[in-house]
Amino acid sequence: MARVDIILNGRPYGLACDDGQEQRLRELGSYVDARLREVAHDASGGSETQLLVLTALMLADEIFDLRAELGGPRRPVPAPAPEVVHAPRAEDESVIAAVDSLAKRIEDIAARLDRT
């Protein structure tokens, strides 16, 4: 497992990746950083977390637009269920619930942005 440091909005982030994927991760980090800086420049105020959320939504919007242009699905296709399913532990269930809640909130925000 390789380790790559990327910079997002002036802050370093150390990430692990598969061997041989280091350059790709650096390129992705540079792209996200450029988009994040655009959002930061256009946004008045806002916390770093808000800037990251807005950037994530903007990138998701780009993906949806590209999928629409290519005739693909607007929403991501869920991954197939794993062959072996283990019962989630209590802490896994709380994490799943939190992620589901955040996903719903992001979908609501995206829907509001689509209407504007």
PDB file of N, CA and C in Angstrom:
ATOM      1  N   MET A   1       0.853  -1.172   0.000  1.00  0.00           N
ATOM      2  CA  MET A   1       0.000   0.000   0.000  1.00  0.00           C
ATOM      3  C   MET A   1       0.894   1.228   0.000  1.00  0.00           C
ATOM      4  N   ALA A   2       0.646   2.104  -0.948  1.00  0.00           N
ATOM      5  CA  ALA A   2       1.429   3.334  -1.076  1.00  0.00           C
ATOM      6  C   ALA A   2       0.750   4.459  -0.297  1.00  0.00           C
ATOM      7  N   ARG A   3       1.497   5.511  -0.059  1.00  0.00           N
ATOM      8  CA  ARG A   3       0.965   6.679   0.644  1.00  0.00           C
ATOM      9  C   ARG A   3       1.256   7.915  -0.200  1.00  0.00           C
ATOM     10  N   VAL A   4       0.233   8.771  -0.328  1.00  0.00           N
ATOM     11  CA  VAL A   4       0.349   9.984  -1.129  1.00  0.00           C
ATOM     12  C   VAL A   4      -0.142  11.154  -0.296  1.00  0.00           C
ATOM     13  N   ASP A   5       0.569  12.259  -0.370  1.00  0.00           N
ATOM     14  CA  ASP A   5       0.118  13.489   0.272  1.00  0.00           C
ATOM     15  C   ASP A   5      -0.448  14.399  -0.811  1.00  0.00           C
ATOM     16  N   ILE A   6      -1.675  14.871  -0.586  1.00  0.00           N
ATOM     17  CA  ILE A   6      -2.278  15.838  -1.494  1.00  0.00           C
ATOM     18  C   ILE A   6      -2.603  17.093  -0.690  1.00  0.00           C
ATOM     19  N   ILE A   7      -2.756  18.201  -1.375  1.00  0.00           N
ATOM     20  CA  ILE A   7      -3.080  19.473  -0.738  1.00  0.00           C
ATOM     21  C   ILE A   7      -4.453  19.904  -1.232  1.00  0.00           C
ATOM     22  N   LEU A   8      -5.360  20.163  -0.297  1.00  0.00           N
ATOM     23  CA  LEU A   8      -6.680  20.684  -0.627  1.00  0.00           C
ATOM     24  C   LEU A   8      -6.878  21.981   0.128  1.00  0.00           C
ATOM     25  N   ASN A   9      -7.026  23.055  -0.625  1.00  0.00           N
ATOM     26  CA  ASN A   9      -7.234  24.378  -0.052  1.00  0.00           C
ATOM     27  C   ASN A   9      -6.133  24.738   0.952  1.00  0.00           C
ATOM     28  N   GLY A  10      -4.904  24.373   0.595  1.00  0.00           N
ATOM     29  CA  GLY A  10      -3.759  24.705   1.429  1.00  0.00           C
ATOM     30  C   GLY A  10      -3.514  23.765   2.591  1.00  0.00           C
ATOM     31  N   ARG A  11      -4.338  22.749   2.759  1.00  0.00           N
ATOM     32  CA  ARG A  11      -4.184  21.814   3.875  1.00  0.00           C
ATOM     33  C   ARG A  11      -3.738  20.454   3.351  1.00  0.00           C
ATOM     34  N   PRO A  12      -2.667  19.886   3.942  1.00  0.00           N
ATOM     35  CA  PRO A  12      -2.185  18.583   3.462  1.00  0.00           C
ATOM     36  C   PRO A  12      -3.051  17.433   3.997  1.00  0.00           C
ATOM     37  N   TYR A  13      -3.236  16.425   3.153  1.00  0.00           N
ATOM     38  CA  TYR A  13      -3.962  15.212   3.513  1.00  0.00           C
ATOM     39  C   TYR A  13      -3.128  14.018   3.061  1.00  0.00           C
ATOM     40  N   GLY A  14      -2.819  13.129   3.980  1.00  0.00           N
ATOM     41  CA  GLY A  14      -2.106  11.901   3.663  1.00  0.00           C
ATOM     42  C   GLY A  14      -3.109  10.798   3.381  1.00  0.00           C
ATOM     43  N   LEU A  15      -2.969  10.163   2.234  1.00  0.00           N
ATOM     44  CA  LEU A  15      -3.913   9.134   1.821  1.00  0.00           C
ATOM     45  C   LEU A  15      -3.168   7.868   1.416  1.00  0.00           C
ATOM     46  N   ALA A  16      -3.775   6.742   1.692  1.00  0.00           N
ATOM     47  CA  ALA A  16      -3.232   5.466   1.245  1.00  0.00           C
ATOM     48  C   ALA A  16      -3.883   5.106  -0.082  1.00  0.00           C
ATOM     49  N   CYS A  17      -3.127   4.432  -0.927  1.00  0.00           N
ATOM     50  CA  CYS A  17      -3.678   3.972  -2.206  1.00  0.00           C
ATOM     51  C   CYS A  17      -2.926   2.718  -2.626  1.00  0.00           C
ATOM     52  N   ASP A  18      -3.477   2.044  -3.613  1.00  0.00           N
ATOM     53  CA  ASP A  18      -2.807   0.862  -4.147  1.00  0.00           C
ATOM     54  C   ASP A  18      -1.505   1.273  -4.817  1.00  0.00           C
ATOM     55  N   ASP A  19      -0.523   0.396  -4.760  1.00  0.00           N
ATOM     56  CA  ASP A  19       0.740   0.653  -5.449  1.00  0.00           C
ATOM     57  C   ASP A  19       0.466   0.906  -6.922  1.00  0.00           C
ATOM     58  N   GLY A  20       1.132   1.901  -7.466  1.00  0.00           N
ATOM     59  CA  GLY A  20       0.962   2.243  -8.864  1.00  0.00           C
ATOM     60  C   GLY A  20      -0.128   3.279  -9.118  1.00  0.00           C
ATOM     61  N   GLN A  21      -0.916   3.630  -8.107  1.00  0.00           N
ATOM     62  CA  GLN A  21      -2.003   4.592  -8.264  1.00  0.00           C
ATOM     63  C   GLN A  21      -1.652   5.980  -7.732  1.00  0.00           C
ATOM     64  N   GLU A  22      -0.406   6.144  -7.320  1.00  0.00           N
ATOM     65  CA  GLU A  22       0.003   7.404  -6.704  1.00  0.00           C
ATOM     66  C   GLU A  22      -0.208   8.603  -7.621  1.00  0.00           C
ATOM     67  N   GLN A  23       0.234   8.515  -8.876  1.00  0.00           N
ATOM     68  CA  GLN A  23       0.114   9.648  -9.791  1.00  0.00           C
ATOM     69  C   GLN A  23      -1.343   9.977 -10.057  1.00  0.00           C
ATOM     70  N   ARG A  24      -2.173   8.968 -10.225  1.00  0.00           N
ATOM     71  CA  ARG A  24      -3.605   9.199 -10.471  1.00  0.00           C
ATOM     72  C   ARG A  24      -4.225   9.922  -9.281  1.00  0.00           C
ATOM     73  N   LEU A  25      -3.883   9.516  -8.070  1.00  0.00           N
ATOM     74  CA  LEU A  25      -4.424  10.165  -6.881  1.00  0.00           C
ATOM     75  C   LEU A  25      -3.953  11.614  -6.792  1.00  0.00           C
ATOM     76  N   ARG A  26      -2.700  11.866  -7.154  1.00  0.00           N
ATOM     77  CA  ARG A  26      -2.206  13.253  -7.175  1.00  0.00           C
ATOM     78  C   ARG A  26      -2.980  14.093  -8.189  1.00  0.00           C
ATOM     79  N   GLU A  27      -3.243  13.519  -9.366  1.00  0.00           N
ATOM     80  CA  GLU A  27      -3.997  14.244 -10.395  1.00  0.00           C
ATOM     81  C   GLU A  27      -5.419  14.541  -9.917  1.00  0.00           C
ATOM     82  N   LEU A  28      -6.056  13.557  -9.308  1.00  0.00           N
ATOM     83  CA  LEU A  28      -7.409  13.764  -8.780  1.00  0.00           C
ATOM     84  C   LEU A  28      -7.392  14.827  -7.689  1.00  0.00           C
ATOM     85  N   GLY A  29      -6.390  14.768  -6.812  1.00  0.00           N
ATOM     86  CA  GLY A  29      -6.275  15.762  -5.757  1.00  0.00           C
ATOM     87  C   GLY A  29      -6.097  17.161  -6.317  1.00  0.00           C
ATOM     88  N   SER A  30      -5.294  17.297  -7.361  1.00  0.00           N
ATOM     89  CA  SER A  30      -5.092  18.603  -7.981  1.00  0.00           C
ATOM     90  C   SER A  30      -6.385  19.131  -8.586  1.00  0.00           C
ATOM     91  N   TYR A  31      -7.146  18.235  -9.211  1.00  0.00           N
ATOM     92  CA  TYR A  31      -8.415  18.650  -9.816  1.00  0.00           C
ATOM     93  C   TYR A  31      -9.403  19.110  -8.738  1.00  0.00           C
ATOM     94  N   VAL A  32      -9.529  18.320  -7.673  1.00  0.00           N
ATOM     95  CA  VAL A  32     -10.439  18.686  -6.586  1.00  0.00           C
ATOM     96  C   VAL A  32      -9.989  19.996  -5.949  1.00  0.00           C
ATOM     97  N   ASP A  33      -8.678  20.164  -5.762  1.00  0.00           N
ATOM     98  CA  ASP A  33      -8.159  21.394  -5.170  1.00  0.00           C
ATOM     99  C   ASP A  33      -8.506  22.601  -6.040  1.00  0.00           C
ATOM    100  N   ALA A  34      -8.363  22.467  -7.357  1.00  0.00           N
ATOM    101  CA  ALA A  34      -8.690  23.578  -8.254  1.00  0.00           C
ATOM    102  C   ALA A  34     -10.171  23.937  -8.154  1.00  0.00           C
ATOM    103  N   ARG A  35     -11.029  22.925  -8.125  1.00  0.00           N
ATOM    104  CA  ARG A  35     -12.472  23.182  -8.018  1.00  0.00           C
ATOM    105  C   ARG A  35     -12.801  23.787  -6.652  1.00  0.00           C
ATOM    106  N   LEU A  36     -12.161  23.296  -5.602  1.00  0.00           N
ATOM    107  CA  LEU A  36     -12.385  23.816  -4.250  1.00  0.00           C
ATOM    108  C   LEU A  36     -11.978  25.279  -4.175  1.00  0.00           C
ATOM    109  N   ARG A  37     -10.867  25.631  -4.810  1.00  0.00           N
ATOM    110  CA  ARG A  37     -10.423  27.025  -4.804  1.00  0.00           C
ATOM    111  C   ARG A  37     -11.405  27.924  -5.566  1.00  0.00           C
ATOM    112  N   GLU A  38     -12.009  27.399  -6.634  1.00  0.00           N
ATOM    113  CA  GLU A  38     -13.035  28.159  -7.349  1.00  0.00           C
ATOM    114  C   GLU A  38     -14.223  28.435  -6.434  1.00  0.00           C
ATOM    115  N   VAL A  39     -14.658  27.406  -5.727  1.00  0.00           N
ATOM    116  CA  VAL A  39     -15.795  27.562  -4.810  1.00  0.00           C
ATOM    117  C   VAL A  39     -15.434  28.556  -3.715  1.00  0.00           C
ATOM    118  N   ALA A  40     -14.233  28.428  -3.153  1.00  0.00           N
ATOM    119  CA  ALA A  40     -13.796  29.330  -2.082  1.00  0.00           C
ATOM    120  C   ALA A  40     -13.735  30.764  -2.576  1.00  0.00           C
ATOM    121  N   HIS A  41     -13.314  30.958  -3.819  1.00  0.00           N
ATOM    122  CA  HIS A  41     -13.227  32.308  -4.388  1.00  0.00           C
ATOM    123  C   HIS A  41     -14.614  32.911  -4.579  1.00  0.00           C
ATOM    124  N   ASP A  42     -15.570  32.077  -5.032  1.00  0.00           N
ATOM    125  CA  ASP A  42     -16.923  32.559  -5.322  1.00  0.00           C
ATOM    126  C   ASP A  42     -17.796  32.677  -4.075  1.00  0.00           C
ATOM    127  N   ALA A  43     -17.496  31.882  -3.052  1.00  0.00           N
ATOM    128  CA  ALA A  43     -18.323  31.885  -1.843  1.00  0.00           C
ATOM    129  C   ALA A  43     -17.874  33.006  -0.919  1.00  0.00           C
ATOM    130  N   SER A  44     -18.839  33.654  -0.327  1.00  0.00           N
ATOM    131  CA  SER A  44     -18.490  34.699   0.639  1.00  0.00           C
ATOM    132  C   SER A  44     -18.562  34.082   2.026  1.00  0.00           C
ATOM    133  N   GLY A  45     -17.422  33.972   2.657  1.00  0.00           N
ATOM    134  CA  GLY A  45     -17.383  33.369   3.989  1.00  0.00           C
ATOM    135  C   GLY A  45     -17.551  31.871   3.886  1.00  0.00           C
ATOM    136  N   GLY A  46     -18.097  31.294   4.907  1.00  0.00           N
ATOM    137  CA  GLY A  46     -18.311  29.855   4.906  1.00  0.00           C
ATOM    138  C   GLY A  46     -17.125  29.124   5.490  1.00  0.00           C
ATOM    139  N   SER A  47     -17.439  28.073   6.204  1.00  0.00           N
ATOM    140  CA  SER A  47     -16.387  27.274   6.818  1.00  0.00           C
ATOM    141  C   SER A  47     -15.761  26.349   5.781  1.00  0.00           C
ATOM    142  N   GLU A  48     -14.648  25.768   6.152  1.00  0.00           N
ATOM    143  CA  GLU A  48     -13.986  24.830   5.258  1.00  0.00           C
ATOM    144  C   GLU A  48     -14.891  23.635   4.970  1.00  0.00           C
ATOM    145  N   THR A  49     -15.622  23.208   5.963  1.00  0.00           N
ATOM    146  CA  THR A  49     -16.550  22.095   5.775  1.00  0.00           C
ATOM    147  C   THR A  49     -17.614  22.453   4.742  1.00  0.00           C
ATOM    148  N   GLN A  50     -18.162  23.657   4.835  1.00  0.00           N
ATOM    149  CA  GLN A  50     -19.164  24.091   3.855  1.00  0.00           C
ATOM    150  C   GLN A  50     -18.566  24.148   2.457  1.00  0.00           C
ATOM    151  N   LEU A  51     -17.332  24.636   2.347  1.00  0.00           N
ATOM    152  CA  LEU A  51     -16.671  24.695   1.050  1.00  0.00           C
ATOM    153  C   LEU A  51     -16.463  23.291   0.476  1.00  0.00           C
ATOM    154  N   LEU A  52     -16.074  22.350   1.339  1.00  0.00           N
ATOM    155  CA  LEU A  52     -15.872  20.974   0.882  1.00  0.00           C
ATOM    156  C   LEU A  52     -17.188  20.350   0.436  1.00  0.00           C
ATOM    157  N   VAL A  53     -18.268  20.617   1.171  1.00  0.00           N
ATOM    158  CA  VAL A  53     -19.579  20.078   0.790  1.00  0.00           C
ATOM    159  C   VAL A  53     -20.021  20.676  -0.540  1.00  0.00           C
ATOM    160  N   LEU A  54     -19.887  21.985  -0.691  1.00  0.00           N
ATOM    161  CA  LEU A  54     -20.262  22.626  -1.954  1.00  0.00           C
ATOM    162  C   LEU A  54     -19.438  22.083  -3.115  1.00  0.00           C
ATOM    163  N   THR A  55     -18.157  21.871  -2.891  1.00  0.00           N
ATOM    164  CA  THR A  55     -17.297  21.322  -3.936  1.00  0.00           C
ATOM    165  C   THR A  55     -17.731  19.906  -4.288  1.00  0.00           C
ATOM    166  N   ALA A  56     -18.021  19.088  -3.279  1.00  0.00           N
ATOM    167  CA  ALA A  56     -18.481  17.719  -3.537  1.00  0.00           C
ATOM    168  C   ALA A  56     -19.773  17.734  -4.341  1.00  0.00           C
ATOM    169  N   LEU A  57     -20.691  18.625  -3.998  1.00  0.00           N
ATOM    170  CA  LEU A  57     -21.943  18.717  -4.741  1.00  0.00           C
ATOM    171  C   LEU A  57     -21.713  19.185  -6.174  1.00  0.00           C
ATOM    172  N   MET A  58     -20.802  20.128  -6.351  1.00  0.00           N
ATOM    173  CA  MET A  58     -20.492  20.618  -7.685  1.00  0.00           C
ATOM    174  C   MET A  58     -19.883  19.496  -8.541  1.00  0.00           C
ATOM    175  N   LEU A  59     -18.980  18.711  -7.955  1.00  0.00           N
ATOM    176  CA  LEU A  59     -18.379  17.599  -8.685  1.00  0.00           C
ATOM    177  C   LEU A  59     -19.420  16.528  -9.001  1.00  0.00           C
ATOM    178  N   ALA A  60     -20.322  16.260  -8.053  1.00  0.00           N
ATOM    179  CA  ALA A  60     -21.400  15.298  -8.304  1.00  0.00           C
ATOM    180  C   ALA A  60     -22.292  15.792  -9.437  1.00  0.00           C
ATOM    181  N   ASP A  61     -22.557  17.086  -9.467  1.00  0.00           N
ATOM    182  CA  ASP A  61     -23.359  17.666 -10.533  1.00  0.00           C
ATOM    183  C   ASP A  61     -22.676  17.473 -11.884  1.00  0.00           C
ATOM    184  N   GLU A  62     -21.359  17.676 -11.928  1.00  0.00           N
ATOM    185  CA  GLU A  62     -20.609  17.442 -13.162  1.00  0.00           C
ATOM    186  C   GLU A  62     -20.759  15.990 -13.615  1.00  0.00           C
ATOM    187  N   ILE A  63     -20.651  15.067 -12.676  1.00  0.00           N
ATOM    188  CA  ILE A  63     -20.772  13.649 -13.007  1.00  0.00           C
ATOM    189  C   ILE A  63     -22.162  13.358 -13.553  1.00  0.00           C
ATOM    190  N   PHE A  64     -23.198  13.879 -12.903  1.00  0.00           N
ATOM    191  CA  PHE A  64     -24.565  13.654 -13.366  1.00  0.00           C
ATOM    192  C   PHE A  64     -24.762  14.213 -14.766  1.00  0.00           C
ATOM    193  N   ASP A  65     -24.226  15.426 -15.025  1.00  0.00           N
ATOM    194  CA  ASP A  65     -24.346  16.028 -16.351  1.00  0.00           C
ATOM    195  C   ASP A  65     -23.653  15.168 -17.413  1.00  0.00           C
ATOM    196  N   LEU A  66     -22.464  14.674 -17.084  1.00  0.00           N
ATOM    197  CA  LEU A  66     -21.740  13.827 -18.034  1.00  0.00           C
ATOM    198  C   LEU A  66     -22.491  12.526 -18.292  1.00  0.00           C
ATOM    199  N   ARG A  67     -23.056  11.941 -17.246  1.00  0.00           N
ATOM    200  CA  ARG A  67     -23.843  10.716 -17.431  1.00  0.00           C
ATOM    201  C   ARG A  67     -25.058  10.988 -18.311  1.00  0.00           C
ATOM    202  N   ALA A  68     -25.691  12.126 -18.106  1.00  0.00           N
ATOM    203  CA  ALA A  68     -26.867  12.467 -18.917  1.00  0.00           C
ATOM    204  C   ALA A  68     -26.462  12.630 -20.381  1.00  0.00           C
ATOM    205  N   GLU A  69     -25.317  13.275 -20.618  1.00  0.00           N
ATOM    206  CA  GLU A  69     -24.828  13.450 -21.986  1.00  0.00           C
ATOM    207  C   GLU A  69     -24.538  12.110 -22.657  1.00  0.00           C
ATOM    208  N   LEU A  70     -24.063  11.156 -21.855  1.00  0.00           N
ATOM    209  CA  LEU A  70     -23.721   9.845 -22.399  1.00  0.00           C
ATOM    210  C   LEU A  70     -24.910   8.890 -22.383  1.00  0.00           C
ATOM    211  N   GLY A  71     -26.052   9.360 -21.876  1.00  0.00           N
ATOM    212  CA  GLY A  71     -27.239   8.514 -21.831  1.00  0.00           C
ATOM    213  C   GLY A  71     -27.228   7.523 -20.694  1.00  0.00           C
ATOM    214  N   GLY A  72     -26.384   7.739 -19.711  1.00  0.00           N
ATOM    215  CA  GLY A  72     -26.306   6.835 -18.564  1.00  0.00           C
ATOM    216  C   GLY A  72     -27.273   7.234 -17.477  1.00  0.00           C
ATOM    217  N   PRO A  73     -27.305   6.466 -16.403  1.00  0.00           N
ATOM    218  CA  PRO A  73     -28.221   6.781 -15.301  1.00  0.00           C
ATOM    219  C   PRO A  73     -27.812   8.050 -14.575  1.00  0.00           C
ATOM    220  N   ARG A  74     -28.790   8.818 -14.117  1.00  0.00           N
ATOM    221  CA  ARG A  74     -28.510  10.049 -13.368  1.00  0.00           C
ATOM    222  C   ARG A  74     -27.994   9.726 -11.979  1.00  0.00           C
ATOM    223  N   ARG A  75     -28.518   8.706 -11.378  1.00  0.00           N
ATOM    224  CA  ARG A  75     -28.069   8.312 -10.041  1.00  0.00           C
ATOM    225  C   ARG A  75     -27.053   7.191 -10.163  1.00  0.00           C
ATOM    226  N   PRO A  76     -26.121   7.127  -9.236  1.00  0.00           N
ATOM    227  CA  PRO A  76     -25.144   6.043  -9.275  1.00  0.00           C
ATOM    228  C   PRO A  76     -25.843   4.686  -9.157  1.00  0.00           C
ATOM    229  N   VAL A  77     -25.335   3.730  -9.890  1.00  0.00           N
ATOM    230  CA  VAL A  77     -25.874   2.380  -9.810  1.00  0.00           C
ATOM    231  C   VAL A  77     -25.300   1.724  -8.569  1.00  0.00           C
ATOM    232  N   PRO A  78     -26.177   1.161  -7.708  1.00  0.00           N
ATOM    233  CA  PRO A  78     -25.645   0.538  -6.489  1.00  0.00           C
ATOM    234  C   PRO A  78     -24.759  -0.654  -6.818  1.00  0.00           C
ATOM    235  N   ALA A  79     -23.759  -0.833  -6.005  1.00  0.00           N
ATOM    236  CA  ALA A  79     -22.854  -1.969  -6.188  1.00  0.00           C
ATOM    237  C   ALA A  79     -23.605  -3.261  -5.868  1.00  0.00           C
ATOM    238  N   PRO A  80     -23.246  -4.345  -6.549  1.00  0.00           N
ATOM    239  CA  PRO A  80     -23.907  -5.606  -6.241  1.00  0.00           C
ATOM    240  C   PRO A  80     -23.616  -6.031  -4.803  1.00  0.00           C
ATOM    241  N   ALA A  81     -24.572  -6.713  -4.229  1.00  0.00           N
ATOM    242  CA  ALA A  81     -24.412  -7.177  -2.852  1.00  0.00           C
ATOM    243  C   ALA A  81     -23.277  -8.194  -2.790  1.00  0.00           C
ATOM    244  N   PRO A  82     -22.498  -8.147  -1.732  1.00  0.00           N
ATOM    245  CA  PRO A  82     -21.427  -9.137  -1.603  1.00  0.00           C
ATOM    246  C   PRO A  82     -22.013 -10.535  -1.448  1.00  0.00           C
ATOM    247  N   GLU A  83     -21.218 -11.513  -1.846  1.00  0.00           N
ATOM    248  CA  GLU A  83     -21.705 -12.892  -1.771  1.00  0.00           C
ATOM    249  C   GLU A  83     -21.920 -13.338  -0.343  1.00  0.00           C
ATOM    250  N   VAL A  84     -21.061 -12.928   0.556  1.00  0.00           N
ATOM    251  CA  VAL A  84     -21.193 -13.303   1.963  1.00  0.00           C
ATOM    252  C   VAL A  84     -21.614 -12.064   2.731  1.00  0.00           C
ATOM    253  N   VAL A  85     -22.750 -12.142   3.394  1.00  0.00           N
ATOM    254  CA  VAL A  85     -23.267 -11.012   4.146  1.00  0.00           C
ATOM    255  C   VAL A  85     -23.189 -11.345   5.631  1.00  0.00           C
ATOM    256  N   HIS A  86     -22.552 -10.467   6.371  1.00  0.00           N
ATOM    257  CA  HIS A  86     -22.451 -10.628   7.815  1.00  0.00           C
ATOM    258  C   HIS A  86     -23.418  -9.659   8.472  1.00  0.00           C
ATOM    259  N   ALA A  87     -23.990 -10.061   9.586  1.00  0.00           N
ATOM    260  CA  ALA A  87     -24.887  -9.170  10.325  1.00  0.00           C
ATOM    261  C   ALA A  87     -24.074  -7.990  10.841  1.00  0.00           C
ATOM    262  N   PRO A  88     -24.574  -6.767  10.635  1.00  0.00           N
ATOM    263  CA  PRO A  88     -23.824  -5.603  11.100  1.00  0.00           C
ATOM    264  C   PRO A  88     -23.788  -5.546  12.626  1.00  0.00           C
ATOM    265  N   ARG A  89     -22.673  -5.057  13.121  1.00  0.00           N
ATOM    266  CA  ARG A  89     -22.556  -4.843  14.563  1.00  0.00           C
ATOM    267  C   ARG A  89     -23.307  -3.570  14.916  1.00  0.00           C
ATOM    268  N   ALA A  90     -23.548  -3.365  16.185  1.00  0.00           N
ATOM    269  CA  ALA A  90     -24.314  -2.199  16.644  1.00  0.00           C
ATOM    270  C   ALA A  90     -23.681  -0.900  16.166  1.00  0.00           C
ATOM    271  N   GLU A  91     -22.340  -0.789  16.277  1.00  0.00           N
ATOM    272  CA  GLU A  91     -21.702   0.461  15.838  1.00  0.00           C
ATOM    273  C   GLU A  91     -21.765   0.608  14.325  1.00  0.00           C
ATOM    274  N   ASP A  92     -21.746  -0.517  13.591  1.00  0.00           N
ATOM    275  CA  ASP A  92     -21.910  -0.448  12.142  1.00  0.00           C
ATOM    276  C   ASP A  92     -23.287   0.094  11.785  1.00  0.00           C
ATOM    277  N   GLU A  93     -24.292  -0.337  12.509  1.00  0.00           N
ATOM    278  CA  GLU A  93     -25.651   0.119  12.238  1.00  0.00           C
ATOM    279  C   GLU A  93     -25.778   1.620  12.465  1.00  0.00           C
ATOM    280  N   SER A  94     -25.131   2.142  13.505  1.00  0.00           N
ATOM    281  CA  SER A  94     -25.210   3.583  13.747  1.00  0.00           C
ATOM    282  C   SER A  94     -24.465   4.359  12.664  1.00  0.00           C
ATOM    283  N   VAL A  95     -23.349   3.828  12.178  1.00  0.00           N
ATOM    284  CA  VAL A  95     -22.625   4.464  11.085  1.00  0.00           C
ATOM    285  C   VAL A  95     -23.467   4.427   9.812  1.00  0.00           C
ATOM    286  N   ILE A  96     -24.100   3.293   9.548  1.00  0.00           N
ATOM    287  CA  ILE A  96     -24.954   3.162   8.366  1.00  0.00           C
ATOM    288  C   ILE A  96     -26.088   4.168   8.437  1.00  0.00           C
ATOM    289  N   ALA A  97     -26.710   4.296   9.603  1.00  0.00           N
ATOM    290  CA  ALA A  97     -27.809   5.251   9.763  1.00  0.00           C
ATOM    291  C   ALA A  97     -27.325   6.684   9.535  1.00  0.00           C
ATOM    292  N   ALA A  98     -26.143   7.006  10.054  1.00  0.00           N
ATOM    293  CA  ALA A  98     -25.597   8.355   9.879  1.00  0.00           C
ATOM    294  C   ALA A  98     -25.292   8.632   8.404  1.00  0.00           C
ATOM    295  N   VAL A  99     -24.711   7.667   7.718  1.00  0.00           N
ATOM    296  CA  VAL A  99     -24.400   7.846   6.294  1.00  0.00           C
ATOM    297  C   VAL A  99     -25.690   7.971   5.489  1.00  0.00           C
ATOM    298  N   ASP A 100     -26.679   7.147   5.799  1.00  0.00           N
ATOM    299  CA  ASP A 100     -27.974   7.251   5.111  1.00  0.00           C
ATOM    300  C   ASP A 100     -28.591   8.630   5.313  1.00  0.00           C
ATOM    301  N   SER A 101     -28.500   9.140   6.525  1.00  0.00           N
ATOM    302  CA  SER A 101     -29.046  10.461   6.830  1.00  0.00           C
ATOM    303  C   SER A 101     -28.311  11.546   6.038  1.00  0.00           C
ATOM    304  N   LEU A 102     -26.987  11.455   5.998  1.00  0.00           N
ATOM    305  CA  LEU A 102     -26.203  12.433   5.237  1.00  0.00           C
ATOM    306  C   LEU A 102     -26.503  12.331   3.739  1.00  0.00           C
ATOM    307  N   ALA A 103     -26.646  11.115   3.237  1.00  0.00           N
ATOM    308  CA  ALA A 103     -26.963  10.938   1.821  1.00  0.00           C
ATOM    309  C   ALA A 103     -28.305  11.580   1.492  1.00  0.00           C
ATOM    310  N   LYS A 104     -29.276  11.411   2.360  1.00  0.00           N
ATOM    311  CA  LYS A 104     -30.589  12.016   2.152  1.00  0.00           C
ATOM    312  C   LYS A 104     -30.472  13.534   2.140  1.00  0.00           C
ATOM    313  N   ARG A 105     -29.690  14.089   3.078  1.00  0.00           N
ATOM    314  CA  ARG A 105     -29.515  15.537   3.126  1.00  0.00           C
ATOM    315  C   ARG A 105     -28.851  16.051   1.856  1.00  0.00           C
ATOM    316  N   ILE A 106     -27.846  15.335   1.350  1.00  0.00           N
ATOM    317  CA  ILE A 106     -27.164  15.746   0.128  1.00  0.00           C
ATOM    318  C   ILE A 106     -28.120  15.671  -1.053  1.00  0.00           C
ATOM    319  N   GLU A 107     -28.930  14.607  -1.109  1.00  0.00           N
ATOM    320  CA  GLU A 107     -29.914  14.494  -2.192  1.00  0.00           C
ATOM    321  C   GLU A 107     -30.912  15.644  -2.132  1.00  0.00           C
ATOM    322  N   ASP A 108     -31.345  16.022  -0.919  1.00  0.00           N
ATOM    323  CA  ASP A 108     -32.263  17.150  -0.772  1.00  0.00           C
ATOM    324  C   ASP A 108     -31.633  18.451  -1.258  1.00  0.00           C
ATOM    325  N   ILE A 109     -30.364  18.662  -0.904  1.00  0.00           N
ATOM    326  CA  ILE A 109     -29.658  19.867  -1.348  1.00  0.00           C
ATOM    327  C   ILE A 109     -29.522  19.861  -2.861  1.00  0.00           C
ATOM    328  N   ALA A 110     -29.154  18.713  -3.418  1.00  0.00           N
ATOM    329  CA  ALA A 110     -29.003  18.609  -4.868  1.00  0.00           C
ATOM    330  C   ALA A 110     -30.331  18.884  -5.570  1.00  0.00           C
ATOM    331  N   ALA A 111     -31.422  18.395  -4.999  1.00  0.00           N
ATOM    332  CA  ALA A 111     -32.743  18.635  -5.590  1.00  0.00           C
ATOM    333  C   ALA A 111     -33.076  20.120  -5.562  1.00  0.00           C
ATOM    334  N   ARG A 112     -32.761  20.785  -4.441  1.00  0.00           N
ATOM    335  CA  ARG A 112     -33.018  22.230  -4.357  1.00  0.00           C
ATOM    336  C   ARG A 112     -32.178  22.985  -5.355  1.00  0.00           C
ATOM    337  N   LEU A 113     -30.922  22.565  -5.548  1.00  0.00           N
ATOM    338  CA  LEU A 113     -30.051  23.223  -6.515  1.00  0.00           C
ATOM    339  C   LEU A 113     -30.549  23.007  -7.933  1.00  0.00           C
ATOM    340  N   ASP A 114     -31.116  21.824  -8.218  1.00  0.00           N
ATOM    341  CA  ASP A 114     -31.673  21.545  -9.548  1.00  0.00           C
ATOM    342  C   ASP A 114     -32.846  22.462  -9.853  1.00  0.00           C
ATOM    343  N   ARG A 115     -33.591  22.858  -8.829  1.00  0.00           N
ATOM    344  CA  ARG A 115     -34.777  23.697  -9.030  1.00  0.00           C
ATOM    345  C   ARG A 115     -34.417  25.152  -9.255  1.00  0.00           C
ATOM    346  N   THR A 116     -33.186  25.561  -8.891  1.00  0.00           N
ATOM    347  CA  THR A 116     -32.815  26.964  -9.026  1.00  0.00           C
ATOM    348  C   THR A 116     -32.246  27.269 -10.376  1.00  0.00           C
TER     349      THR A 116
END
